[in-house]
Amino acid sequence: MTPPVICIVGKKKSGKTTFIEKLIPELQALGLSVGTVKHDAHSFDMDHEGKDSWRHRHCGAETVVVSSPAQVAVIRSLEKEMLLSDLAETYFADRHLVVAEGYFRSDQPKIEIHRVEAHDEPLCSRANEEDKHLFAMVTDGNVDTGMPVFGLEDVREVAALVARRFKGWTRDRMWG
């Protein structure tokens, strides 16, 4: 079964990664098993020259798996970028929820992180929030949105919103 996916979006240096670092433990405290995907709009390389896995790829392997008793990594050549929903189905079927950093252009539901110090205006506004599937804004500013707005430190409340919206959990279930 494919788990629900939420995207944490925002402009560069808005605090997306920092917020995710705080959100995941709160989701786990609610009993959710969480996987993450980090979108890289450019190409990245986690396989370095001279390593055995690099040598496997260099001689022609199109998929390389590095496995140990504690973790597994897959390096796979693609002709085109996988859809976020396909990534969730392929790699996260055993998780309750996938939190993706980025993927602003996807059709997945989004929480935007906006810091006034970093940017004057958020990515989403009343004009595009529905098209962008925004369901919450996390900000230190006064943002005009029809969606729930949280402060940068309101991580527990955002986790509760996510659990209610995507898992149908009630407040009683979340905190006994």
N, C-alpha and C. Protein backbone atom coordinates (compact mmCIF):
# COMPACT_ATOMS: atom_id res chain seq x y z
N MET A 1 0.85 -1.19 0.00
CA MET A 1 0.00 0.00 0.00
C MET A 1 0.89 1.25 0.00
N THR A 2 0.55 2.19 -0.84
CA THR A 2 1.33 3.42 -0.94
C THR A 2 0.97 4.38 0.19
N PRO A 3 1.96 4.82 0.95
CA PRO A 3 1.66 5.76 2.05
C PRO A 3 1.38 7.15 1.51
N PRO A 4 0.67 7.97 2.27
CA PRO A 4 0.49 9.36 1.86
C PRO A 4 1.82 10.10 1.86
N VAL A 5 1.90 11.10 1.01
CA VAL A 5 3.10 11.91 0.86
C VAL A 5 2.74 13.36 1.15
N ILE A 6 3.57 14.04 1.93
CA ILE A 6 3.44 15.49 2.10
C ILE A 6 4.77 16.12 1.71
N CYS A 7 4.69 17.25 1.07
CA CYS A 7 5.89 17.95 0.64
C CYS A 7 6.10 19.17 1.53
N ILE A 8 7.32 19.32 1.99
CA ILE A 8 7.71 20.52 2.73
C ILE A 8 8.43 21.40 1.71
N VAL A 9 7.81 22.52 1.39
CA VAL A 9 8.34 23.40 0.35
C VAL A 9 8.67 24.76 0.94
N GLY A 10 9.42 25.53 0.17
CA GLY A 10 9.78 26.88 0.56
C GLY A 10 10.96 27.33 -0.28
N LYS A 11 11.18 28.60 -0.26
CA LYS A 11 12.31 29.15 -1.01
C LYS A 11 13.61 28.75 -0.33
N LYS A 12 14.70 28.93 -1.04
CA LYS A 12 16.04 28.59 -0.53
C LYS A 12 16.28 29.31 0.81
N LYS A 13 16.87 28.59 1.74
CA LYS A 13 17.23 29.12 3.07
C LYS A 13 16.01 29.48 3.92
N SER A 14 14.86 28.87 3.64
CA SER A 14 13.66 29.17 4.42
C SER A 14 13.58 28.34 5.69
N GLY A 15 14.36 27.27 5.78
CA GLY A 15 14.33 26.43 6.98
C GLY A 15 13.62 25.11 6.78
N LYS A 16 13.51 24.66 5.55
CA LYS A 16 12.81 23.39 5.26
C LYS A 16 13.44 22.21 5.99
N THR A 17 14.74 22.05 5.85
CA THR A 17 15.43 20.91 6.47
C THR A 17 15.34 20.98 7.98
N THR A 18 15.53 22.16 8.54
CA THR A 18 15.44 22.34 9.99
C THR A 18 14.05 21.97 10.49
N PHE A 19 13.02 22.38 9.76
CA PHE A 19 11.66 22.05 10.16
C PHE A 19 11.42 20.53 10.09
N ILE A 20 11.91 19.90 9.04
CA ILE A 20 11.75 18.45 8.89
C ILE A 20 12.45 17.72 10.04
N GLU A 21 13.63 18.21 10.43
CA GLU A 21 14.35 17.60 11.55
C GLU A 21 13.54 17.65 12.84
N LYS A 22 12.71 18.65 13.00
CA LYS A 22 11.86 18.76 14.18
C LYS A 22 10.55 18.00 14.00
N LEU A 23 10.03 17.96 12.78
CA LEU A 23 8.74 17.33 12.50
C LEU A 23 8.80 15.81 12.63
N ILE A 24 9.83 15.20 12.12
CA ILE A 24 9.90 13.74 12.12
C ILE A 24 9.81 13.15 13.53
N PRO A 25 10.56 13.64 14.51
CA PRO A 25 10.41 13.08 15.87
C PRO A 25 8.99 13.27 16.43
N GLU A 26 8.34 14.38 16.10
CA GLU A 26 6.96 14.59 16.58
C GLU A 26 6.00 13.59 15.93
N LEU A 27 6.19 13.32 14.64
CA LEU A 27 5.36 12.32 13.96
C LEU A 27 5.61 10.94 14.54
N GLN A 28 6.87 10.64 14.80
CA GLN A 28 7.21 9.35 15.40
C GLN A 28 6.63 9.21 16.81
N ALA A 29 6.59 10.31 17.54
CA ALA A 29 6.00 10.29 18.89
C ALA A 29 4.51 9.95 18.82
N LEU A 30 3.89 10.22 17.68
CA LEU A 30 2.48 9.88 17.48
C LEU A 30 2.32 8.45 16.97
N GLY A 31 3.44 7.75 16.83
CA GLY A 31 3.39 6.35 16.39
C GLY A 31 3.50 6.15 14.89
N LEU A 32 3.84 7.21 14.17
CA LEU A 32 3.96 7.09 12.72
C LEU A 32 5.38 6.70 12.31
N SER A 33 5.48 5.78 11.40
CA SER A 33 6.75 5.42 10.78
C SER A 33 6.91 6.32 9.56
N VAL A 34 8.02 7.05 9.49
CA VAL A 34 8.19 8.10 8.48
C VAL A 34 9.40 7.83 7.60
N GLY A 35 9.24 7.99 6.30
CA GLY A 35 10.34 7.98 5.36
C GLY A 35 10.47 9.37 4.76
N THR A 36 11.62 9.68 4.22
CA THR A 36 11.81 11.00 3.60
C THR A 36 12.42 10.86 2.21
N VAL A 37 12.13 11.86 1.40
CA VAL A 37 12.72 12.02 0.08
C VAL A 37 13.21 13.45 -0.02
N LYS A 38 14.43 13.63 -0.44
CA LYS A 38 14.98 14.98 -0.67
C LYS A 38 15.08 15.17 -2.17
N HIS A 39 14.37 16.16 -2.70
CA HIS A 39 14.43 16.43 -4.13
C HIS A 39 15.68 17.23 -4.45
N ASP A 40 16.36 16.82 -5.50
CA ASP A 40 17.52 17.55 -6.00
C ASP A 40 17.23 17.89 -7.45
N ALA A 41 17.04 19.15 -7.74
CA ALA A 41 16.69 19.57 -9.10
C ALA A 41 17.85 19.37 -10.07
N HIS A 42 19.03 19.18 -9.52
CA HIS A 42 20.22 18.96 -10.34
C HIS A 42 20.61 17.49 -10.19
N SER A 43 21.65 17.11 -10.80
CA SER A 43 22.14 15.75 -10.64
C SER A 43 23.00 15.68 -9.39
N PHE A 44 22.98 14.56 -8.70
CA PHE A 44 23.83 14.39 -7.53
C PHE A 44 24.61 13.10 -7.71
N ASP A 45 25.66 12.95 -6.97
CA ASP A 45 26.48 11.75 -7.05
C ASP A 45 26.84 11.30 -5.65
N MET A 46 26.29 10.16 -5.24
CA MET A 46 26.64 9.62 -3.93
C MET A 46 27.57 8.42 -4.07
N ASP A 47 27.96 8.15 -5.30
CA ASP A 47 28.82 7.02 -5.61
C ASP A 47 30.15 7.58 -6.11
N HIS A 48 31.22 7.39 -5.38
CA HIS A 48 32.48 8.06 -5.69
C HIS A 48 33.49 7.13 -6.35
N GLU A 49 34.25 7.71 -7.24
CA GLU A 49 35.26 6.96 -8.00
C GLU A 49 36.17 6.16 -7.06
N GLY A 50 36.39 4.92 -7.45
CA GLY A 50 37.25 4.04 -6.68
C GLY A 50 36.50 3.12 -5.74
N LYS A 51 35.29 3.51 -5.32
CA LYS A 51 34.48 2.65 -4.46
C LYS A 51 33.98 1.47 -5.28
N ASP A 52 33.76 0.33 -4.63
CA ASP A 52 33.30 -0.85 -5.35
C ASP A 52 31.99 -0.59 -6.09
N SER A 53 31.06 0.10 -5.44
CA SER A 53 29.78 0.38 -6.09
C SER A 53 29.97 1.24 -7.34
N TRP A 54 30.89 2.20 -7.28
CA TRP A 54 31.19 3.03 -8.45
C TRP A 54 31.76 2.15 -9.55
N ARG A 55 32.64 1.25 -9.18
CA ARG A 55 33.24 0.35 -10.17
C ARG A 55 32.18 -0.53 -10.82
N HIS A 56 31.20 -0.99 -10.03
CA HIS A 56 30.10 -1.79 -10.59
C HIS A 56 29.33 -0.98 -11.64
N ARG A 57 29.00 0.26 -11.30
CA ARG A 57 28.27 1.11 -12.24
C ARG A 57 29.12 1.45 -13.45
N HIS A 58 30.39 1.74 -13.20
CA HIS A 58 31.29 2.14 -14.27
C HIS A 58 31.46 1.04 -15.32
N CYS A 59 31.36 -0.23 -14.92
CA CYS A 59 31.50 -1.32 -15.88
C CYS A 59 30.18 -1.69 -16.54
N GLY A 60 29.07 -1.01 -16.15
CA GLY A 60 27.82 -1.21 -16.87
C GLY A 60 26.59 -1.58 -16.07
N ALA A 61 26.71 -1.85 -14.78
CA ALA A 61 25.52 -2.17 -13.99
C ALA A 61 24.59 -0.96 -13.95
N GLU A 62 23.32 -1.17 -14.23
CA GLU A 62 22.35 -0.06 -14.24
C GLU A 62 21.70 0.16 -12.88
N THR A 63 21.75 -0.86 -12.03
CA THR A 63 21.28 -0.75 -10.65
C THR A 63 22.32 -1.40 -9.75
N VAL A 64 22.69 -0.68 -8.70
CA VAL A 64 23.65 -1.19 -7.73
C VAL A 64 23.02 -1.04 -6.35
N VAL A 65 23.08 -2.08 -5.56
CA VAL A 65 22.59 -2.04 -4.18
C VAL A 65 23.78 -2.26 -3.26
N VAL A 66 23.91 -1.39 -2.28
CA VAL A 66 24.90 -1.56 -1.23
C VAL A 66 24.11 -1.95 0.02
N SER A 67 24.43 -3.10 0.58
CA SER A 67 23.64 -3.64 1.68
C SER A 67 24.53 -4.02 2.85
N SER A 68 24.02 -3.74 4.05
CA SER A 68 24.69 -4.15 5.28
C SER A 68 23.61 -4.62 6.25
N PRO A 69 23.99 -5.14 7.41
CA PRO A 69 22.96 -5.56 8.37
C PRO A 69 22.07 -4.40 8.85
N ALA A 70 22.54 -3.16 8.73
CA ALA A 70 21.80 -2.03 9.29
C ALA A 70 21.13 -1.13 8.27
N GLN A 71 21.55 -1.18 6.99
CA GLN A 71 20.95 -0.28 6.01
C GLN A 71 21.19 -0.79 4.59
N VAL A 72 20.43 -0.21 3.66
CA VAL A 72 20.55 -0.55 2.26
C VAL A 72 20.47 0.73 1.44
N ALA A 73 21.23 0.81 0.38
CA ALA A 73 21.19 1.95 -0.53
C ALA A 73 21.06 1.43 -1.95
N VAL A 74 20.23 2.09 -2.74
CA VAL A 74 20.04 1.72 -4.13
C VAL A 74 20.51 2.86 -5.01
N ILE A 75 21.36 2.55 -5.96
CA ILE A 75 21.81 3.52 -6.95
C ILE A 75 21.34 2.97 -8.28
N ARG A 76 20.44 3.70 -8.93
CA ARG A 76 19.79 3.19 -10.14
C ARG A 76 19.82 4.26 -11.22
N SER A 77 20.25 3.89 -12.39
CA SER A 77 20.23 4.82 -13.53
C SER A 77 18.80 4.95 -14.02
N LEU A 78 18.40 6.17 -14.35
CA LEU A 78 17.04 6.43 -14.83
C LEU A 78 17.10 7.17 -16.16
N GLU A 79 16.12 6.91 -17.00
CA GLU A 79 16.00 7.68 -18.23
C GLU A 79 15.28 8.99 -17.98
N LYS A 80 14.40 9.01 -16.97
CA LYS A 80 13.72 10.24 -16.56
C LYS A 80 13.44 10.15 -15.07
N GLU A 81 13.25 11.30 -14.47
CA GLU A 81 13.02 11.37 -13.03
C GLU A 81 11.75 10.62 -12.66
N MET A 82 11.80 9.86 -11.55
CA MET A 82 10.63 9.15 -11.06
C MET A 82 9.65 10.14 -10.43
N LEU A 83 8.38 9.87 -10.58
CA LEU A 83 7.35 10.66 -9.90
C LEU A 83 7.43 10.40 -8.40
N LEU A 84 7.08 11.38 -7.62
CA LEU A 84 7.10 11.24 -6.17
C LEU A 84 6.18 10.10 -5.72
N SER A 85 5.03 9.97 -6.35
CA SER A 85 4.11 8.88 -5.99
C SER A 85 4.72 7.52 -6.30
N ASP A 86 5.48 7.41 -7.38
CA ASP A 86 6.16 6.16 -7.71
C ASP A 86 7.27 5.84 -6.71
N LEU A 87 8.00 6.86 -6.28
CA LEU A 87 9.02 6.66 -5.25
C LEU A 87 8.38 6.14 -3.96
N ALA A 88 7.25 6.73 -3.58
CA ALA A 88 6.56 6.32 -2.35
C ALA A 88 6.11 4.86 -2.46
N GLU A 89 5.54 4.51 -3.59
CA GLU A 89 5.05 3.13 -3.78
C GLU A 89 6.20 2.13 -3.82
N THR A 90 7.29 2.49 -4.47
CA THR A 90 8.42 1.57 -4.65
C THR A 90 9.25 1.39 -3.38
N TYR A 91 9.53 2.48 -2.67
CA TYR A 91 10.49 2.43 -1.58
C TYR A 91 9.91 2.59 -0.17
N PHE A 92 8.65 3.01 -0.06
CA PHE A 92 8.13 3.34 1.27
C PHE A 92 6.83 2.63 1.63
N ALA A 93 6.54 1.52 0.99
CA ALA A 93 5.29 0.81 1.26
C ALA A 93 5.18 0.37 2.72
N ASP A 94 6.29 0.23 3.41
CA ASP A 94 6.29 -0.20 4.81
C ASP A 94 6.25 0.97 5.79
N ARG A 95 6.02 2.18 5.32
CA ARG A 95 5.95 3.37 6.17
C ARG A 95 4.53 3.92 6.21
N HIS A 96 4.21 4.65 7.28
CA HIS A 96 2.90 5.28 7.39
C HIS A 96 2.80 6.55 6.56
N LEU A 97 3.94 7.23 6.37
CA LEU A 97 3.94 8.56 5.77
C LEU A 97 5.30 8.84 5.14
N VAL A 98 5.28 9.57 4.04
CA VAL A 98 6.52 10.03 3.41
C VAL A 98 6.54 11.55 3.48
N VAL A 99 7.62 12.11 3.98
CA VAL A 99 7.83 13.55 4.02
C VAL A 99 8.88 13.86 2.95
N ALA A 100 8.49 14.67 1.98
CA ALA A 100 9.41 15.03 0.90
C ALA A 100 9.84 16.47 1.07
N GLU A 101 11.12 16.71 0.91
CA GLU A 101 11.63 18.08 0.93
C GLU A 101 11.74 18.54 -0.52
N GLY A 102 10.95 19.55 -0.84
CA GLY A 102 10.92 20.05 -2.22
C GLY A 102 9.69 19.53 -2.94
N TYR A 103 9.82 19.36 -4.25
CA TYR A 103 8.73 18.91 -5.12
C TYR A 103 7.59 19.93 -5.16
N PHE A 104 7.92 21.20 -5.23
CA PHE A 104 6.92 22.26 -5.28
C PHE A 104 5.95 22.09 -6.46
N ARG A 105 6.44 21.58 -7.57
CA ARG A 105 5.61 21.44 -8.77
C ARG A 105 4.78 20.15 -8.79
N SER A 106 4.92 19.30 -7.78
CA SER A 106 4.17 18.04 -7.75
C SER A 106 2.71 18.31 -7.38
N ASP A 107 1.89 17.29 -7.56
CA ASP A 107 0.48 17.42 -7.20
C ASP A 107 0.21 16.88 -5.79
N GLN A 108 1.26 16.70 -5.01
CA GLN A 108 1.12 16.21 -3.64
C GLN A 108 0.79 17.37 -2.70
N PRO A 109 0.13 17.08 -1.57
CA PRO A 109 -0.17 18.14 -0.59
C PRO A 109 1.11 18.72 0.00
N LYS A 110 1.05 20.02 0.32
CA LYS A 110 2.25 20.73 0.73
C LYS A 110 2.05 21.57 2.00
N ILE A 111 3.15 21.66 2.74
CA ILE A 111 3.29 22.62 3.84
C ILE A 111 4.42 23.54 3.40
N GLU A 112 4.16 24.84 3.40
CA GLU A 112 5.23 25.78 3.04
C GLU A 112 5.88 26.35 4.29
N ILE A 113 7.21 26.42 4.26
CA ILE A 113 7.98 27.07 5.31
C ILE A 113 8.41 28.43 4.75
N HIS A 114 8.07 29.48 5.48
CA HIS A 114 8.41 30.84 5.01
C HIS A 114 8.96 31.64 6.18
N ARG A 115 10.18 32.13 5.99
CA ARG A 115 10.80 33.02 6.98
C ARG A 115 10.94 34.39 6.35
N VAL A 116 10.41 35.40 7.01
CA VAL A 116 10.44 36.77 6.51
C VAL A 116 11.88 37.26 6.32
N GLU A 117 12.76 36.86 7.21
CA GLU A 117 14.16 37.27 7.12
C GLU A 117 14.81 36.80 5.81
N ALA A 118 14.37 35.65 5.31
CA ALA A 118 14.97 35.08 4.10
C ALA A 118 14.29 35.57 2.82
N HIS A 119 12.96 35.80 2.87
CA HIS A 119 12.21 36.18 1.67
C HIS A 119 11.00 37.04 2.04
N ASP A 120 10.74 38.02 1.19
CA ASP A 120 9.60 38.91 1.42
C ASP A 120 8.26 38.18 1.29
N GLU A 121 8.15 37.36 0.25
CA GLU A 121 6.88 36.69 -0.06
C GLU A 121 7.07 35.17 -0.08
N PRO A 122 6.05 34.43 0.37
CA PRO A 122 6.12 32.97 0.26
C PRO A 122 5.89 32.51 -1.19
N LEU A 123 6.12 31.24 -1.44
CA LEU A 123 5.83 30.67 -2.76
C LEU A 123 4.33 30.65 -3.04
N CYS A 124 3.56 30.27 -2.02
CA CYS A 124 2.12 30.14 -2.17
C CYS A 124 1.40 31.37 -1.63
N SER A 125 0.30 31.68 -2.27
CA SER A 125 -0.55 32.79 -1.85
C SER A 125 -2.00 32.36 -2.09
N ARG A 126 -2.92 33.20 -1.72
CA ARG A 126 -4.34 32.89 -1.99
C ARG A 126 -4.58 32.61 -3.47
N ALA A 127 -3.77 33.22 -4.32
CA ALA A 127 -3.96 33.08 -5.77
C ALA A 127 -3.60 31.68 -6.29
N ASN A 128 -2.65 31.00 -5.63
CA ASN A 128 -2.22 29.72 -6.17
C ASN A 128 -2.23 28.57 -5.16
N GLU A 129 -2.64 28.82 -3.92
CA GLU A 129 -2.53 27.79 -2.89
C GLU A 129 -3.34 26.54 -3.21
N GLU A 130 -4.49 26.70 -3.85
CA GLU A 130 -5.30 25.53 -4.20
C GLU A 130 -4.63 24.73 -5.31
N ASP A 131 -4.13 25.41 -6.34
CA ASP A 131 -3.44 24.72 -7.43
C ASP A 131 -2.19 24.01 -6.95
N LYS A 132 -1.52 24.57 -5.97
CA LYS A 132 -0.28 23.99 -5.45
C LYS A 132 -0.53 22.98 -4.34
N HIS A 133 -1.80 22.77 -3.97
CA HIS A 133 -2.20 21.79 -2.96
C HIS A 133 -1.64 22.12 -1.57
N LEU A 134 -1.54 23.41 -1.28
CA LEU A 134 -1.09 23.85 0.04
C LEU A 134 -2.15 23.51 1.08
N PHE A 135 -1.72 22.93 2.22
CA PHE A 135 -2.70 22.69 3.28
C PHE A 135 -2.27 23.30 4.61
N ALA A 136 -1.07 23.89 4.65
CA ALA A 136 -0.65 24.61 5.85
C ALA A 136 0.55 25.50 5.52
N MET A 137 0.67 26.58 6.27
CA MET A 137 1.79 27.51 6.14
C MET A 137 2.47 27.59 7.50
N VAL A 138 3.81 27.50 7.50
CA VAL A 138 4.60 27.66 8.72
C VAL A 138 5.47 28.89 8.49
N THR A 139 5.30 29.91 9.35
CA THR A 139 5.95 31.19 9.07
C THR A 139 6.20 31.97 10.35
N ASP A 140 7.11 32.92 10.24
CA ASP A 140 7.32 33.87 11.32
C ASP A 140 6.75 35.23 10.96
N GLY A 141 5.97 35.26 9.89
CA GLY A 141 5.40 36.52 9.42
C GLY A 141 3.89 36.48 9.39
N ASN A 142 3.34 37.54 8.87
CA ASN A 142 1.89 37.67 8.73
C ASN A 142 1.56 37.32 7.28
N VAL A 143 1.12 36.07 7.05
CA VAL A 143 0.85 35.60 5.70
C VAL A 143 -0.65 35.45 5.52
N ASP A 144 -1.16 36.03 4.44
CA ASP A 144 -2.58 35.96 4.12
C ASP A 144 -2.85 34.68 3.35
N THR A 145 -3.42 33.71 4.03
CA THR A 145 -3.75 32.44 3.39
C THR A 145 -5.05 31.91 3.97
N GLY A 146 -5.73 31.12 3.18
CA GLY A 146 -6.96 30.49 3.65
C GLY A 146 -6.67 29.18 4.37
N MET A 147 -5.41 28.83 4.49
CA MET A 147 -4.99 27.58 5.11
C MET A 147 -4.56 27.82 6.56
N PRO A 148 -4.48 26.76 7.37
CA PRO A 148 -3.97 26.94 8.73
C PRO A 148 -2.55 27.50 8.70
N VAL A 149 -2.27 28.44 9.59
CA VAL A 149 -0.96 29.07 9.69
C VAL A 149 -0.37 28.76 11.06
N PHE A 150 0.89 28.33 11.06
CA PHE A 150 1.59 27.96 12.29
C PHE A 150 2.88 28.75 12.39
N GLY A 151 3.36 28.93 13.62
CA GLY A 151 4.66 29.53 13.83
C GLY A 151 5.76 28.52 13.57
N LEU A 152 6.98 29.00 13.44
CA LEU A 152 8.12 28.12 13.14
C LEU A 152 8.37 27.08 14.22
N GLU A 153 7.95 27.34 15.44
CA GLU A 153 8.17 26.39 16.53
C GLU A 153 6.93 25.55 16.86
N ASP A 154 5.87 25.69 16.09
CA ASP A 154 4.62 24.95 16.34
C ASP A 154 4.65 23.56 15.71
N VAL A 155 5.75 22.86 15.87
CA VAL A 155 5.96 21.59 15.19
C VAL A 155 4.98 20.52 15.69
N ARG A 156 4.74 20.49 16.98
CA ARG A 156 3.81 19.48 17.53
C ARG A 156 2.42 19.66 16.95
N GLU A 157 1.99 20.90 16.80
CA GLU A 157 0.67 21.17 16.24
C GLU A 157 0.61 20.80 14.76
N VAL A 158 1.69 21.02 14.03
CA VAL A 158 1.74 20.62 12.62
C VAL A 158 1.69 19.10 12.52
N ALA A 159 2.41 18.40 13.38
CA ALA A 159 2.39 16.93 13.39
C ALA A 159 0.97 16.43 13.65
N ALA A 160 0.27 17.08 14.57
CA ALA A 160 -1.12 16.69 14.87
C ALA A 160 -2.01 16.91 13.65
N LEU A 161 -1.84 18.03 12.96
CA LEU A 161 -2.61 18.30 11.74
C LEU A 161 -2.35 17.21 10.69
N VAL A 162 -1.09 16.85 10.52
CA VAL A 162 -0.73 15.81 9.54
C VAL A 162 -1.38 14.48 9.93
N ALA A 163 -1.29 14.10 11.20
CA ALA A 163 -1.87 12.83 11.65
C ALA A 163 -3.39 12.82 11.47
N ARG A 164 -4.04 13.94 11.75
CA ARG A 164 -5.49 14.01 11.56
C ARG A 164 -5.85 13.94 10.08
N ARG A 165 -5.16 14.71 9.26
CA ARG A 165 -5.51 14.81 7.85
C ARG A 165 -5.20 13.53 7.07
N PHE A 166 -4.05 12.93 7.33
CA PHE A 166 -3.60 11.83 6.49
C PHE A 166 -3.82 10.45 7.10
N LYS A 167 -4.01 10.39 8.39
CA LYS A 167 -4.22 9.10 9.03
C LYS A 167 -5.57 9.03 9.74
N GLY A 168 -6.32 10.14 9.74
CA GLY A 168 -7.64 10.15 10.36
C GLY A 168 -7.60 10.04 11.87
N TRP A 169 -6.48 10.39 12.47
CA TRP A 169 -6.34 10.24 13.91
C TRP A 169 -7.01 11.38 14.65
N THR A 170 -7.57 11.03 15.78
CA THR A 170 -8.21 12.03 16.64
C THR A 170 -7.23 12.46 17.71
N ARG A 171 -7.52 13.54 18.36
CA ARG A 171 -6.64 14.05 19.43
C ARG A 171 -6.47 12.99 20.53
N ASP A 172 -7.55 12.26 20.88
CA ASP A 172 -7.46 11.22 21.91
C ASP A 172 -6.45 10.14 21.52
N ARG A 173 -6.48 9.75 20.27
CA ARG A 173 -5.55 8.71 19.79
C ARG A 173 -4.12 9.22 19.84
N MET A 174 -3.93 10.50 19.59
CA MET A 174 -2.58 11.04 19.50
C MET A 174 -1.91 11.19 20.86
N TRP A 175 -2.63 11.68 21.84
CA TRP A 175 -1.97 11.94 23.13
C TRP A 175 -2.63 11.27 24.30
N GLY A 176 -3.43 10.26 24.01
CA GLY A 176 -4.05 9.46 25.09
C GLY A 176 -4.92 10.28 25.93
